[in-house]
PDB file of all heavy atoms in Angstrom:
ATOM      1  N   ASN A   1     218.762 -54.245 195.198  1.00  0.00           N
ATOM      2  CA  ASN A   1     217.855 -53.368 195.920  1.00  0.00           C
ATOM      3  C   ASN A   1     217.653 -53.835 197.294  1.00  0.00           C
ATOM      4  O   ASN A   1     216.908 -54.911 197.539  1.00  0.00           O
ATOM      5  CB  ASN A   1     216.435 -53.348 195.151  1.00  0.00           C
ATOM      6  CG  ASN A   1     216.437 -52.766 193.881  1.00  0.00           C
ATOM      7  OD1 ASN A   1     217.105 -51.690 193.606  1.00  0.00           O
ATOM      8  ND2 ASN A   1     215.786 -53.372 192.749  1.00  0.00           N
ATOM      9  N   PRO A   2     218.303 -53.255 198.280  1.00  0.00           N
ATOM     10  CA  PRO A   2     218.180 -53.690 199.609  1.00  0.00           C
ATOM     11  C   PRO A   2     216.888 -53.639 200.160  1.00  0.00           C
ATOM     12  O   PRO A   2     216.043 -52.780 199.766  1.00  0.00           O
ATOM     13  CB  PRO A   2     219.218 -52.732 200.339  1.00  0.00           C
ATOM     14  CG  PRO A   2     219.234 -51.567 199.596  1.00  0.00           C
ATOM     15  CD  PRO A   2     219.145 -51.982 198.111  1.00  0.00           C
ATOM     16  N   LYS A   3     216.528 -54.553 201.182  1.00  0.00           N
ATOM     17  CA  LYS A   3     215.367 -54.432 201.860  1.00  0.00           C
ATOM     18  C   LYS A   3     215.482 -53.518 203.086  1.00  0.00           C
ATOM     19  O   LYS A   3     214.494 -52.771 203.547  1.00  0.00           O
ATOM     20  CB  LYS A   3     214.827 -55.886 202.280  1.00  0.00           C
ATOM     21  CG  LYS A   3     213.448 -55.827 203.030  1.00  0.00           C
ATOM     22  CD  LYS A   3     212.748 -57.083 203.112  1.00  0.00           C
ATOM     23  CE  LYS A   3     211.532 -56.962 203.552  1.00  0.00           C
ATOM     24  NZ  LYS A   3     210.667 -58.199 203.553  1.00  0.00           N
ATOM     25  N   TYR A   4     216.682 -53.508 203.619  1.00  0.00           N
ATOM     26  CA  TYR A   4     216.960 -52.771 204.829  1.00  0.00           C
ATOM     27  C   TYR A   4     218.181 -51.757 204.631  1.00  0.00           C
ATOM     28  O   TYR A   4     219.203 -52.221 204.207  1.00  0.00           O
ATOM     29  CB  TYR A   4     217.183 -53.651 206.010  1.00  0.00           C
ATOM     30  CG  TYR A   4     216.117 -54.728 206.221  1.00  0.00           C
ATOM     31  CD1 TYR A   4     216.300 -56.075 205.865  1.00  0.00           C
ATOM     32  CD2 TYR A   4     214.967 -54.293 206.840  1.00  0.00           C
ATOM     33  CE1 TYR A   4     215.245 -57.009 206.015  1.00  0.00           C
ATOM     34  CE2 TYR A   4     213.792 -55.250 207.152  1.00  0.00           C
ATOM     35  CZ  TYR A   4     214.040 -56.565 206.770  1.00  0.00           C
ATOM     36  OH  TYR A   4     213.063 -57.540 206.853  1.00  0.00           O
ATOM     37  N   VAL A   5     217.883 -50.520 205.104  1.00  0.00           N
ATOM     38  CA  VAL A   5     218.863 -49.625 205.135  1.00  0.00           C
ATOM     39  C   VAL A   5     218.837 -48.820 206.514  1.00  0.00           C
ATOM     40  O   VAL A   5     217.789 -48.986 207.120  1.00  0.00           O
ATOM     41  CB  VAL A   5     218.946 -48.552 203.972  1.00  0.00           C
ATOM     42  CG1 VAL A   5     219.161 -49.219 202.556  1.00  0.00           C
ATOM     43  CG2 VAL A   5     217.556 -47.791 203.967  1.00  0.00           C
ATOM     44  N   LEU A   6     219.814 -48.180 206.832  1.00  0.00           N
ATOM     45  CA  LEU A   6     219.947 -47.539 208.203  1.00  0.00           C
ATOM     46  C   LEU A   6     219.128 -46.117 208.009  1.00  0.00           C
ATOM     47  O   LEU A   6     219.868 -45.099 207.931  1.00  0.00           O
ATOM     48  CB  LEU A   6     221.351 -47.350 208.627  1.00  0.00           C
ATOM     49  CG  LEU A   6     221.531 -46.758 210.084  1.00  0.00           C
ATOM     50  CD1 LEU A   6     220.889 -47.592 211.065  1.00  0.00           C
ATOM     51  CD2 LEU A   6     222.968 -46.329 210.346  1.00  0.00           C
ATOM     52  N   ARG A   7     217.915 -46.184 208.142  1.00  0.00           N
ATOM     53  CA  ARG A   7     217.181 -44.870 208.079  1.00  0.00           C
ATOM     54  C   ARG A   7     217.527 -44.122 209.294  1.00  0.00           C
ATOM     55  O   ARG A   7     217.709 -44.712 210.316  1.00  0.00           O
ATOM     56  CB  ARG A   7     215.714 -45.229 207.958  1.00  0.00           C
ATOM     57  CG  ARG A   7     215.259 -46.002 206.703  1.00  0.00           C
ATOM     58  CD  ARG A   7     213.710 -46.432 206.879  1.00  0.00           C
ATOM     59  NE  ARG A   7     213.402 -47.239 205.696  1.00  0.00           N
ATOM     60  CZ  ARG A   7     212.752 -46.871 204.653  1.00  0.00           C
ATOM     61  NH1 ARG A   7     212.405 -45.616 204.512  1.00  0.00           N
ATOM     62  NH2 ARG A   7     212.237 -47.698 203.717  1.00  0.00           N
ATOM     63  N   ASN A   8     217.458 -42.781 209.197  1.00  0.00           N
ATOM     64  CA  ASN A   8     217.980 -41.882 210.169  1.00  0.00           C
ATOM     65  C   ASN A   8     217.051 -42.138 211.447  1.00  0.00           C
ATOM     66  O   ASN A   8     217.633 -42.034 212.508  1.00  0.00           O
ATOM     67  CB  ASN A   8     217.750 -40.420 209.785  1.00  0.00           C
ATOM     68  CG  ASN A   8     219.026 -39.957 208.988  1.00  0.00           C
ATOM     69  OD1 ASN A   8     219.904 -40.692 208.921  1.00  0.00           O
ATOM     70  ND2 ASN A   8     219.042 -38.864 208.333  1.00  0.00           N
ATOM     71  N   TYR A   9     215.814 -42.352 211.267  1.00  0.00           N
ATOM     72  CA  TYR A   9     215.067 -42.534 212.460  1.00  0.00           C
ATOM     73  C   TYR A   9     215.309 -43.826 213.195  1.00  0.00           C
ATOM     74  O   TYR A   9     215.338 -43.837 214.553  1.00  0.00           O
ATOM     75  CB  TYR A   9     213.498 -42.607 212.217  1.00  0.00           C
ATOM     76  CG  TYR A   9     212.931 -43.844 211.648  1.00  0.00           C
ATOM     77  CD1 TYR A   9     212.478 -44.747 212.594  1.00  0.00           C
ATOM     78  CD2 TYR A   9     212.765 -44.198 210.441  1.00  0.00           C
ATOM     79  CE1 TYR A   9     211.960 -46.036 212.261  1.00  0.00           C
ATOM     80  CE2 TYR A   9     212.308 -45.408 209.921  1.00  0.00           C
ATOM     81  CZ  TYR A   9     211.811 -46.378 210.939  1.00  0.00           C
ATOM     82  OH  TYR A   9     211.355 -47.551 210.459  1.00  0.00           O
ATOM     83  N   MET A  10     215.861 -44.822 212.518  1.00  0.00           N
ATOM     84  CA  MET A  10     216.323 -46.023 213.241  1.00  0.00           C
ATOM     85  C   MET A  10     217.578 -45.761 214.080  1.00  0.00           C
ATOM     86  O   MET A  10     217.571 -46.176 215.216  1.00  0.00           O
ATOM     87  CB  MET A  10     216.671 -47.125 212.105  1.00  0.00           C
ATOM     88  CG  MET A  10     215.459 -47.555 211.303  1.00  0.00           C
ATOM     89  SD  MET A  10     215.685 -48.441 209.775  1.00  0.00           S
ATOM     90  CE  MET A  10     216.567 -49.883 210.456  1.00  0.00           C
ATOM     91  N   ALA A  11     218.545 -45.091 213.424  1.00  0.00           N
ATOM     92  CA  ALA A  11     219.736 -44.618 214.207  1.00  0.00           C
ATOM     93  C   ALA A  11     219.341 -43.813 215.333  1.00  0.00           C
ATOM     94  O   ALA A  11     219.920 -44.012 216.516  1.00  0.00           O
ATOM     95  CB  ALA A  11     220.712 -43.924 213.262  1.00  0.00           C
ATOM     96  N   GLN A  12     218.383 -42.898 215.147  1.00  0.00           N
ATOM     97  CA  GLN A  12     218.021 -42.094 216.406  1.00  0.00           C
ATOM     98  C   GLN A  12     217.349 -42.866 217.579  1.00  0.00           C
ATOM     99  O   GLN A  12     217.566 -42.519 218.657  1.00  0.00           O
ATOM    100  CB  GLN A  12     216.972 -40.864 215.781  1.00  0.00           C
ATOM    101  CG  GLN A  12     216.783 -39.875 216.917  1.00  0.00           C
ATOM    102  CD  GLN A  12     218.056 -39.097 217.360  1.00  0.00           C
ATOM    103  OE1 GLN A  12     218.912 -38.784 216.460  1.00  0.00           O
ATOM    104  NE2 GLN A  12     218.107 -38.935 218.699  1.00  0.00           N
ATOM    105  N   MET A  13     216.623 -43.707 217.063  1.00  0.00           N
ATOM    106  CA  MET A  13     216.060 -44.710 218.162  1.00  0.00           C
ATOM    107  C   MET A  13     217.066 -45.370 218.946  1.00  0.00           C
ATOM    108  O   MET A  13     217.009 -45.405 220.164  1.00  0.00           O
ATOM    109  CB  MET A  13     215.014 -45.615 217.526  1.00  0.00           C
ATOM    110  CG  MET A  13     213.686 -45.086 217.038  1.00  0.00           C
ATOM    111  SD  MET A  13     212.813 -46.230 216.076  1.00  0.00           S
ATOM    112  CE  MET A  13     212.308 -47.379 217.387  1.00  0.00           C
ATOM    113  N   ALA A  14     218.090 -45.905 218.283  1.00  0.00           N
ATOM    114  CA  ALA A  14     219.180 -46.495 218.932  1.00  0.00           C
ATOM    115  C   ALA A  14     219.962 -45.505 219.838  1.00  0.00           C
ATOM    116  O   ALA A  14     220.382 -45.804 220.917  1.00  0.00           O
ATOM    117  CB  ALA A  14     220.115 -47.176 217.930  1.00  0.00           C
ATOM    118  N   ILE A  15     220.053 -44.298 219.449  1.00  0.00           N
ATOM    119  CA  ILE A  15     220.822 -43.214 220.062  1.00  0.00           C
ATOM    120  C   ILE A  15     220.061 -42.939 221.448  1.00  0.00           C
ATOM    121  O   ILE A  15     220.559 -42.804 222.544  1.00  0.00           O
ATOM    122  CB  ILE A  15     221.018 -42.067 219.293  1.00  0.00           C
ATOM    123  CG1 ILE A  15     221.970 -42.162 218.130  1.00  0.00           C
ATOM    124  CG2 ILE A  15     221.387 -40.813 220.135  1.00  0.00           C
ATOM    125  CD1 ILE A  15     222.000 -41.077 217.133  1.00  0.00           C
ATOM    126  N   ASP A  16     218.694 -42.806 221.252  1.00  0.00           N
ATOM    127  CA  ASP A  16     217.872 -42.423 222.455  1.00  0.00           C
ATOM    128  C   ASP A  16     217.956 -43.514 223.427  1.00  0.00           C
ATOM    129  O   ASP A  16     218.087 -43.269 224.668  1.00  0.00           O
ATOM    130  CB  ASP A  16     216.482 -42.304 221.965  1.00  0.00           C
ATOM    131  CG  ASP A  16     216.165 -40.942 221.093  1.00  0.00           C
ATOM    132  OD1 ASP A  16     217.093 -40.090 221.153  1.00  0.00           O
ATOM    133  OD2 ASP A  16     215.195 -40.899 220.466  1.00  0.00           O
ATOM    134  N   LYS A  17     217.973 -44.761 222.975  1.00  0.00           N
ATOM    135  CA  LYS A  17     217.944 -45.904 223.940  1.00  0.00           C
ATOM    136  C   LYS A  17     219.333 -46.059 224.694  1.00  0.00           C
ATOM    137  O   LYS A  17     219.436 -46.205 225.907  1.00  0.00           O
ATOM    138  CB  LYS A  17     217.608 -47.203 223.339  1.00  0.00           C
ATOM    139  CG  LYS A  17     216.022 -47.502 223.160  1.00  0.00           C
ATOM    140  CD  LYS A  17     215.920 -48.896 222.474  1.00  0.00           C
ATOM    141  CE  LYS A  17     214.436 -49.213 222.454  1.00  0.00           C
ATOM    142  NZ  LYS A  17     213.803 -49.373 223.786  1.00  0.00           N
ATOM    143  N   ALA A  18     220.326 -45.910 223.771  1.00  0.00           N
ATOM    144  CA  ALA A  18     221.686 -45.963 224.280  1.00  0.00           C
ATOM    145  C   ALA A  18     221.945 -44.860 225.323  1.00  0.00           C
ATOM    146  O   ALA A  18     222.700 -45.148 226.295  1.00  0.00           O
ATOM    147  CB  ALA A  18     222.720 -45.950 223.262  1.00  0.00           C
ATOM    148  N   THR A  19     221.419 -43.723 225.134  1.00  0.00           N
ATOM    149  CA  THR A  19     221.644 -42.594 225.978  1.00  0.00           C
ATOM    150  C   THR A  19     221.089 -42.960 227.426  1.00  0.00           C
ATOM    151  O   THR A  19     221.634 -42.528 228.454  1.00  0.00           O
ATOM    152  CB  THR A  19     221.071 -41.358 225.536  1.00  0.00           C
ATOM    153  OG1 THR A  19     221.629 -41.061 224.244  1.00  0.00           O
ATOM    154  CG2 THR A  19     221.371 -40.134 226.378  1.00  0.00           C
ATOM    155  N   GLN A  20     220.057 -43.770 227.475  1.00  0.00           N
ATOM    156  CA  GLN A  20     219.453 -44.215 228.612  1.00  0.00           C
ATOM    157  C   GLN A  20     220.064 -45.541 229.232  1.00  0.00           C
ATOM    158  O   GLN A  20     219.519 -46.136 230.181  1.00  0.00           O
ATOM    159  CB  GLN A  20     217.963 -44.455 228.418  1.00  0.00           C
ATOM    160  CG  GLN A  20     217.120 -43.135 228.000  1.00  0.00           C
ATOM    161  CD  GLN A  20     217.374 -42.026 229.004  1.00  0.00           C
ATOM    162  OE1 GLN A  20     217.252 -42.322 230.245  1.00  0.00           O
ATOM    163  NE2 GLN A  20     217.596 -40.818 228.566  1.00  0.00           N
ATOM    164  N   GLY A  21     221.183 -45.979 228.573  1.00  0.00           N
ATOM    165  CA  GLY A  21     221.812 -47.188 229.092  1.00  0.00           C
ATOM    166  C   GLY A  21     221.398 -48.504 228.389  1.00  0.00           C
ATOM    167  O   GLY A  21     221.836 -49.644 228.730  1.00  0.00           O
ATOM    168  N   ASP A  22     220.370 -48.367 227.451  1.00  0.00           N
ATOM    169  CA  ASP A  22     219.821 -49.641 226.789  1.00  0.00           C
ATOM    170  C   ASP A  22     220.529 -49.863 225.422  1.00  0.00           C
ATOM    171  O   ASP A  22     220.402 -49.067 224.572  1.00  0.00           O
ATOM    172  CB  ASP A  22     218.309 -49.508 226.599  1.00  0.00           C
ATOM    173  CG  ASP A  22     217.681 -50.727 225.923  1.00  0.00           C
ATOM    174  OD1 ASP A  22     218.495 -51.602 225.670  1.00  0.00           O
ATOM    175  OD2 ASP A  22     216.460 -50.717 225.992  1.00  0.00           O
ATOM    176  N   LEU A  23     221.329 -50.892 225.442  1.00  0.00           N
ATOM    177  CA  LEU A  23     222.150 -51.102 224.124  1.00  0.00           C
ATOM    178  C   LEU A  23     221.542 -52.100 223.171  1.00  0.00           C
ATOM    179  O   LEU A  23     222.103 -52.442 222.138  1.00  0.00           O
ATOM    180  CB  LEU A  23     223.547 -51.550 224.540  1.00  0.00           C
ATOM    181  CG  LEU A  23     224.332 -50.748 225.519  1.00  0.00           C
ATOM    182  CD1 LEU A  23     225.761 -51.411 225.827  1.00  0.00           C
ATOM    183  CD2 LEU A  23     224.540 -49.269 224.970  1.00  0.00           C
ATOM    184  N   SER A  24     220.371 -52.641 223.535  1.00  0.00           N
ATOM    185  CA  SER A  24     219.685 -53.679 222.858  1.00  0.00           C
ATOM    186  C   SER A  24     219.568 -53.313 221.413  1.00  0.00           C
ATOM    187  O   SER A  24     219.598 -54.039 220.326  1.00  0.00           O
ATOM    188  CB  SER A  24     218.323 -54.071 223.516  1.00  0.00           C
ATOM    189  OG  SER A  24     217.545 -53.047 223.543  1.00  0.00           O
ATOM    190  N   LEU A  25     219.169 -52.020 221.097  1.00  0.00           N
ATOM    191  CA  LEU A  25     218.658 -51.754 219.723  1.00  0.00           C
ATOM    192  C   LEU A  25     220.006 -51.620 218.802  1.00  0.00           C
ATOM    193  O   LEU A  25     219.966 -51.906 217.493  1.00  0.00           O
ATOM    194  CB  LEU A  25     218.033 -50.338 219.658  1.00  0.00           C
ATOM    195  CG  LEU A  25     217.234 -50.105 218.331  1.00  0.00           C
ATOM    196  CD1 LEU A  25     216.392 -51.243 217.889  1.00  0.00           C
ATOM    197  CD2 LEU A  25     216.251 -48.903 218.571  1.00  0.00           C
ATOM    198  N   ILE A  26     221.109 -51.243 219.479  1.00  0.00           N
ATOM    199  CA  ILE A  26     222.324 -51.138 218.691  1.00  0.00           C
ATOM    200  C   ILE A  26     222.565 -52.574 218.147  1.00  0.00           C
ATOM    201  O   ILE A  26     222.959 -52.790 216.851  1.00  0.00           O
ATOM    202  CB  ILE A  26     223.672 -50.727 219.462  1.00  0.00           C
ATOM    203  CG1 ILE A  26     223.377 -49.342 219.990  1.00  0.00           C
ATOM    204  CG2 ILE A  26     224.896 -50.864 218.687  1.00  0.00           C
ATOM    205  CD1 ILE A  26     224.484 -48.844 221.014  1.00  0.00           C
ATOM    206  N   ASP A  27     222.615 -53.609 219.001  1.00  0.00           N
ATOM    207  CA  ASP A  27     222.792 -54.909 218.574  1.00  0.00           C
ATOM    208  C   ASP A  27     221.722 -55.365 217.563  1.00  0.00           C
ATOM    209  O   ASP A  27     222.093 -56.115 216.574  1.00  0.00           O
ATOM    210  CB  ASP A  27     222.742 -55.920 219.897  1.00  0.00           C
ATOM    211  CG  ASP A  27     223.723 -55.788 220.908  1.00  0.00           C
ATOM    212  OD1 ASP A  27     224.876 -55.145 220.526  1.00  0.00           O
ATOM    213  OD2 ASP A  27     223.435 -55.825 222.144  1.00  0.00           O
ATOM    214  N   GLU A  28     220.475 -55.031 217.847  1.00  0.00           N
ATOM    215  CA  GLU A  28     219.465 -55.419 216.905  1.00  0.00           C
ATOM    216  C   GLU A  28     219.733 -54.987 215.392  1.00  0.00           C
ATOM    217  O   GLU A  28     219.640 -55.555 214.426  1.00  0.00           O
ATOM    218  CB  GLU A  28     218.047 -55.128 217.333  1.00  0.00           C
ATOM    219  CG  GLU A  28     216.938 -55.589 216.500  1.00  0.00           C
ATOM    220  CD  GLU A  28     215.536 -55.127 216.995  1.00  0.00           C
ATOM    221  OE1 GLU A  28     215.386 -54.865 218.183  1.00  0.00           O
ATOM    222  OE2 GLU A  28     214.575 -55.300 216.236  1.00  0.00           O
ATOM    223  N   LEU A  29     219.884 -53.622 215.400  1.00  0.00           N
ATOM    224  CA  LEU A  29     220.133 -52.927 214.041  1.00  0.00           C
ATOM    225  C   LEU A  29     221.420 -53.562 213.525  1.00  0.00           C
ATOM    226  O   LEU A  29     221.480 -53.646 212.280  1.00  0.00           O
ATOM    227  CB  LEU A  29     220.204 -51.438 214.219  1.00  0.00           C
ATOM    228  CG  LEU A  29     218.978 -50.740 214.638  1.00  0.00           C
ATOM    229  CD1 LEU A  29     219.121 -49.243 214.701  1.00  0.00           C
ATOM    230  CD2 LEU A  29     217.825 -51.131 213.614  1.00  0.00           C
ATOM    231  N   TYR A  30     222.592 -53.711 214.289  1.00  0.00           N
ATOM    232  CA  TYR A  30     223.727 -54.196 213.693  1.00  0.00           C
ATOM    233  C   TYR A  30     223.489 -55.567 213.080  1.00  0.00           C
ATOM    234  O   TYR A  30     223.902 -55.861 211.850  1.00  0.00           O
ATOM    235  CB  TYR A  30     224.823 -54.384 214.711  1.00  0.00           C
ATOM    236  CG  TYR A  30     226.105 -54.878 214.283  1.00  0.00           C
ATOM    237  CD1 TYR A  30     227.002 -54.136 213.572  1.00  0.00           C
ATOM    238  CD2 TYR A  30     226.422 -56.271 214.637  1.00  0.00           C
ATOM    239  CE1 TYR A  30     228.125 -54.773 213.108  1.00  0.00           C
ATOM    240  CE2 TYR A  30     227.499 -56.909 214.232  1.00  0.00           C
ATOM    241  CZ  TYR A  30     228.499 -56.116 213.477  1.00  0.00           C
ATOM    242  OH  TYR A  30     229.695 -56.696 213.025  1.00  0.00           O
ATOM    243  N   ASP A  31     222.775 -56.465 213.696  1.00  0.00           N
ATOM    244  CA  ASP A  31     222.524 -57.782 213.047  1.00  0.00           C
ATOM    245  C   ASP A  31     221.604 -57.602 211.905  1.00  0.00           C
ATOM    246  O   ASP A  31     221.868 -58.344 210.888  1.00  0.00           O
ATOM    247  CB  ASP A  31     221.895 -58.658 214.112  1.00  0.00           C
ATOM    248  CG  ASP A  31     222.867 -59.129 215.273  1.00  0.00           C
ATOM    249  OD1 ASP A  31     223.990 -59.092 214.948  1.00  0.00           O
ATOM    250  OD2 ASP A  31     222.387 -59.536 216.327  1.00  0.00           O
ATOM    251  N   LEU A  32     220.606 -56.791 211.916  1.00  0.00           N
ATOM    252  CA  LEU A  32     219.666 -56.684 210.727  1.00  0.00           C
ATOM    253  C   LEU A  32     220.549 -56.142 209.589  1.00  0.00           C
ATOM    254  O   LEU A  32     220.259 -56.674 208.444  1.00  0.00           O
ATOM    255  CB  LEU A  32     218.626 -55.413 211.132  1.00  0.00           C
ATOM    256  CG  LEU A  32     217.840 -55.025 209.983  1.00  0.00           C
ATOM    257  CD1 LEU A  32     216.568 -56.080 209.669  1.00  0.00           C
ATOM    258  CD2 LEU A  32     217.285 -53.591 210.393  1.00  0.00           C
ATOM    259  N   LEU A  33     221.221 -55.220 209.737  1.00  0.00           N
ATOM    260  CA  LEU A  33     222.041 -54.488 208.558  1.00  0.00           C
ATOM    261  C   LEU A  33     223.285 -55.378 208.049  1.00  0.00           C
ATOM    262  O   LEU A  33     223.879 -55.054 207.145  1.00  0.00           O
ATOM    263  CB  LEU A  33     222.583 -53.155 208.912  1.00  0.00           C
ATOM    264  CG  LEU A  33     221.413 -52.200 209.357  1.00  0.00           C
ATOM    265  CD1 LEU A  33     221.914 -51.016 210.057  1.00  0.00           C
ATOM    266  CD2 LEU A  33     220.510 -51.840 208.143  1.00  0.00           C
ATOM    267  N   ARG A  34     223.583 -56.410 208.758  1.00  0.00           N
ATOM    268  CA  ARG A  34     224.522 -57.294 208.208  1.00  0.00           C
ATOM    269  C   ARG A  34     224.102 -58.183 206.974  1.00  0.00           C
ATOM    270  O   ARG A  34     224.898 -58.807 206.351  1.00  0.00           O
ATOM    271  CB  ARG A  34     225.069 -58.326 209.287  1.00  0.00           C
ATOM    272  CG  ARG A  34     226.028 -57.640 210.241  1.00  0.00           C
ATOM    273  CD  ARG A  34     226.275 -58.620 211.519  1.00  0.00           C
ATOM    274  NE  ARG A  34     226.708 -59.838 211.081  1.00  0.00           N
ATOM    275  CZ  ARG A  34     228.021 -60.267 210.828  1.00  0.00           C
ATOM    276  NH1 ARG A  34     229.016 -59.218 210.828  1.00  0.00           N
ATOM    277  NH2 ARG A  34     228.402 -61.331 210.394  1.00  0.00           N
ATOM    278  N   ASP A  35     222.884 -58.216 206.834  1.00  0.00           N
ATOM    279  CA  ASP A  35     222.099 -59.072 205.788  1.00  0.00           C
ATOM    280  C   ASP A  35     221.083 -58.209 205.024  1.00  0.00           C
ATOM    281  O   ASP A  35     219.883 -58.675 205.067  1.00  0.00           O
ATOM    282  CB  ASP A  35     221.708 -60.258 206.297  1.00  0.00           C
ATOM    283  CG  ASP A  35     221.546 -61.436 205.248  1.00  0.00           C
ATOM    284  OD1 ASP A  35     222.003 -61.214 204.108  1.00  0.00           O
ATOM    285  OD2 ASP A  35     221.142 -62.530 205.438  1.00  0.00           O
ATOM    286  N   PRO A  36     221.439 -57.096 204.468  1.00  0.00           N
ATOM    287  CA  PRO A  36     220.378 -56.106 204.045  1.00  0.00           C
ATOM    288  C   PRO A  36     219.592 -56.569 202.852  1.00  0.00           C
ATOM    289  O   PRO A  36     218.499 -56.026 202.636  1.00  0.00           O
ATOM    290  CB  PRO A  36     221.142 -54.899 203.772  1.00  0.00           C
ATOM    291  CG  PRO A  36     222.459 -55.387 203.427  1.00  0.00           C
ATOM    292  CD  PRO A  36     222.742 -56.567 204.217  1.00  0.00           C
ATOM    293  N   TYR A  37     219.970 -57.573 202.104  1.00  0.00           N
ATOM    294  CA  TYR A  37     219.386 -57.990 200.998  1.00  0.00           C
ATOM    295  C   TYR A  37     218.436 -59.167 201.194  1.00  0.00           C
ATOM    296  O   TYR A  37     217.520 -59.597 200.230  1.00  0.00           O
ATOM    297  CB  TYR A  37     220.336 -58.262 199.740  1.00  0.00           C
ATOM    298  CG  TYR A  37     221.080 -57.139 199.330  1.00  0.00           C
ATOM    299  CD1 TYR A  37     222.357 -56.952 199.826  1.00  0.00           C
ATOM    300  CD2 TYR A  37     220.539 -56.212 198.437  1.00  0.00           C
ATOM    301  CE1 TYR A  37     223.108 -55.702 199.399  1.00  0.00           C
ATOM    302  CE2 TYR A  37     221.278 -55.053 198.158  1.00  0.00           C
ATOM    303  CZ  TYR A  37     222.540 -54.904 198.483  1.00  0.00           C
ATOM    304  OH  TYR A  37     223.287 -53.714 198.213  1.00  0.00           O
ATOM    305  N   ALA A  38     218.483 -59.706 202.269  1.00  0.00           N
ATOM    306  CA  ALA A  38     217.767 -60.883 202.661  1.00  0.00           C
ATOM    307  C   ALA A  38     216.340 -60.649 203.239  1.00  0.00           C
ATOM    308  O   ALA A  38     216.176 -59.542 203.870  1.00  0.00           O
ATOM    309  CB  ALA A  38     218.520 -61.801 203.663  1.00  0.00           C
ATOM    310  N   GLU A  39     215.420 -61.573 203.044  1.00  0.00           N
ATOM    311  CA  GLU A  39     214.145 -61.428 203.794  1.00  0.00           C
ATOM    312  C   GLU A  39     214.499 -61.971 205.203  1.00  0.00           C
ATOM    313  O   GLU A  39     215.074 -62.963 205.419  1.00  0.00           O
ATOM    314  CB  GLU A  39     213.086 -62.466 203.119  1.00  0.00           C
ATOM    315  CG  GLU A  39     212.774 -62.137 201.641  1.00  0.00           C
ATOM    316  CD  GLU A  39     212.072 -60.818 201.525  1.00  0.00           C
ATOM    317  OE1 GLU A  39     211.340 -60.345 202.477  1.00  0.00           O
ATOM    318  OE2 GLU A  39     212.071 -60.174 200.533  1.00  0.00           O
ATOM    319  N   GLN A  40     213.955 -61.088 206.150  1.00  0.00           N
ATOM    320  CA  GLN A  40     214.199 -61.397 207.577  1.00  0.00           C
ATOM    321  C   GLN A  40     212.757 -61.329 208.242  1.00  0.00           C
ATOM    322  O   GLN A  40     212.430 -60.269 208.764  1.00  0.00           O
ATOM    323  CB  GLN A  40     215.163 -60.396 208.201  1.00  0.00           C
ATOM    324  CG  GLN A  40     216.519 -60.543 207.508  1.00  0.00           C
ATOM    325  CD  GLN A  40     217.645 -59.582 208.308  1.00  0.00           C
ATOM    326  OE1 GLN A  40     217.713 -59.727 209.599  1.00  0.00           O
ATOM    327  NE2 GLN A  40     218.270 -58.767 207.549  1.00  0.00           N
ATOM    328  N   PRO A  41     211.967 -62.336 208.137  1.00  0.00           N
ATOM    329  CA  PRO A  41     210.627 -62.338 208.606  1.00  0.00           C
ATOM    330  C   PRO A  41     210.304 -61.851 210.060  1.00  0.00           C
ATOM    331  O   PRO A  41     209.438 -61.160 210.293  1.00  0.00           O
ATOM    332  CB  PRO A  41     210.173 -63.716 208.388  1.00  0.00           C
ATOM    333  CG  PRO A  41     211.155 -64.347 207.293  1.00  0.00           C
ATOM    334  CD  PRO A  41     212.347 -63.735 207.545  1.00  0.00           C
ATOM    335  N   ASP A  42     211.278 -62.268 210.879  1.00  0.00           N
ATOM    336  CA  ASP A  42     211.225 -61.727 212.401  1.00  0.00           C
ATOM    337  C   ASP A  42     211.596 -60.310 212.511  1.00  0.00           C
ATOM    338  O   ASP A  42     211.477 -59.835 213.645  1.00  0.00           O
ATOM    339  CB  ASP A  42     212.054 -62.595 213.137  1.00  0.00           C
ATOM    340  CG  ASP A  42     213.472 -62.599 212.818  1.00  0.00           C
ATOM    341  OD1 ASP A  42     213.751 -62.332 211.622  1.00  0.00           O
ATOM    342  OD2 ASP A  42     214.345 -62.916 213.614  1.00  0.00           O
ATOM    343  N   ARG A  43     211.960 -59.644 211.322  1.00  0.00           N
ATOM    344  CA  ARG A  43     212.288 -58.163 211.643  1.00  0.00           C
ATOM    345  C   ARG A  43     211.644 -57.390 210.412  1.00  0.00           C
ATOM    346  O   ARG A  43     212.188 -56.247 210.226  1.00  0.00           O
ATOM    347  CB  ARG A  43     213.939 -58.030 211.378  1.00  0.00           C
ATOM    348  CG  ARG A  43     214.751 -58.619 212.409  1.00  0.00           C
ATOM    349  CD  ARG A  43     216.143 -58.766 212.251  1.00  0.00           C
ATOM    350  NE  ARG A  43     216.919 -59.145 213.429  1.00  0.00           N
ATOM    351  CZ  ARG A  43     218.157 -59.746 213.424  1.00  0.00           C
ATOM    352  NH1 ARG A  43     218.580 -59.992 212.184  1.00  0.00           N
ATOM    353  NH2 ARG A  43     218.616 -60.114 214.468  1.00  0.00           N
ATOM    354  N   GLU A  44     210.538 -57.755 210.135  1.00  0.00           N
ATOM    355  CA  GLU A  44     209.727 -57.071 209.004  1.00  0.00           C
ATOM    356  C   GLU A  44     209.307 -55.709 209.391  1.00  0.00           C
ATOM    357  O   GLU A  44     209.119 -54.838 208.615  1.00  0.00           O
ATOM    358  CB  GLU A  44     208.566 -57.971 208.717  1.00  0.00           C
ATOM    359  CG  GLU A  44     207.753 -57.555 207.446  1.00  0.00           C
ATOM    360  CD  GLU A  44     208.516 -57.925 206.167  1.00  0.00           C
ATOM    361  OE1 GLU A  44     209.480 -58.752 206.319  1.00  0.00           O
ATOM    362  OE2 GLU A  44     208.153 -57.587 205.125  1.00  0.00           O
TER     363      GLU A  44
END
């Protein structure tokens, strides 16, 4: 049972930021979703 999945609103937030030239959320979500079954306290 994963703790983290790519919910549509999360992807849309990354799209909105990337469209404005901010790629930080792509990196953050990519790192988050590389370990979806783990507890990640700093990304709660």
